[in-house]
Amino acid sequence: MKALFTPLAAAALLCAGAASAQDTFKIAYIDPLSGPFANVGELMLTHTQFAVEDINAKGGVLKGTKLQLLQFDSKLSAQESLSALQAAIDQGARAIVTGGSGSSVVTALVQAAARHNQRNPGKEILVLNHSSIDPELTGKACSFWHFQFEANTAMKMKAIANYIKKQESIKKVYLLNQDYAHGKQWAHYGRELVGLARPDIQFTGEALHPIGRVKDFAPYVAKIKSTEADSVITGNWGQDMVLLLKAAGDAGYNLRYFNHSAGSVPGTVLAVSQAKLGQLTWVAEWHPGQADSPKADALAKAYKAKTGKEFLAPRIEMTPRMLAAAINKAQSTDPVKVARALEDLSFDSVVGPVRMRGDDHQLLLPQVVNTIAPVDGKAVKVGWEGTNYGFRTDAAYTGNELAQGTDCKMARP
């Protein structure tokens, strides 16, 4: 007997299709998965995947909706990232996880998402930024659709400046940074905040270099040495940090380096151990081997057991978890409602309580100033990357202690 296809049956099929569509909330990961910073992108992807898979294993969000992670290679290019954004939107993504491609790329994504959202009400997309730390993203260029899950440049440099204030051996500082928006910001805040903390410090020079293109930093090291600097404020990361350390080590130059996140990038600890000269001090929400961090330690062990890799960045793993918490708080997967739920959301993270400031969408999270140093059984108990070098805690600050004012004048839908 032939089945009858009635209007009621059609309506039922439509409802079933709608219900099925709501069973998944798609998140697009857009960061470098090829090229000189592929190892950074892979690390960030694995952290994101771990959190998404754990959330899904515990039932997802809204009592059954699962998170689906789509992957796109930014190739460290704004143009490639914008193409990936459009592809993600076409595939139904409602949120983007990004940040490892640099502030210029994230800024382009935020602007493109805002244009898309204005033209396509009901199909909005959020930008969840875990690592790009240009203060402009939560300042003059702030957007309702963008959320910053990492302490910004000014917050990180304030932590470093507070530490340098007590280091009388630091007298002459050179500024060497990558030639893009964030590199210039790191230099600017270094000169400004360290200068305020230590008016006696002499800034001996400043240089910018192409990001990811310098193969030999020997000429830059020679220039720094000619100024008799004892320290370098550098925003270099990935290959650019590793090659700088190598060049200085080869030259026998025992520099101190002050950086925002280099210690969390694969290969940096190994490079410090091989150089045998110099001290790299950086700042992050947590570092491996940090004392009195049982929740982060437990997460690191679970992460390594599942992925076979070392855990380095709680904030990246935290990003999908805060998104899930906001979806549950909003009782909706509608990005507009989720964004409003994220505003001023407090979250009990593995590094302690954090809060997404509603005024500018800047997460207020703790920062630990730490130095890559030889294992001594006291301050440094665990080696890293197969070396006898690990991380020494130098100082710690809460998110509220480092919070800055904001120029954000946010337009809300």
Foldseek 3Di string as FASTA:
>chain_A
DDDDCDPVNVVVVVVVVVVVVQLEAEEEEEEACDAQQNLVSVQLVLLQVVLQVVCVVVQHFLRGRHYHYHYAHCNLDLVSRVVSVVVCLVVQHAEYEYARSEDVNLLSVQVVQVVVCVVDPPSHHAYEHEHHAAQCCLFVSFELRYAYLFHHLLLFLLVVLVLVLPVPVFAEEEEEEEPDDVSVVQSVSNCVSNCVSPVRHHYQYYDYHHASPDPACLVVLVVVVVSVGQEYEYADARPRQLRVLQNCLVVVRQHEYEYAARVLRPPNLVSCQVSVHYKYKYKALDFPPDPPQVLVVVVQVVSCVVPVDGDRHQSSSCRVVLLSVLCNVLVHSRSLSSSVSLAQDWDQGSSGIWGQHNQRNYIQGKMWIKIWAFDDCPQHPDDPPPDRTGIGTSDMDTSVVSDDDHNDDYDGD
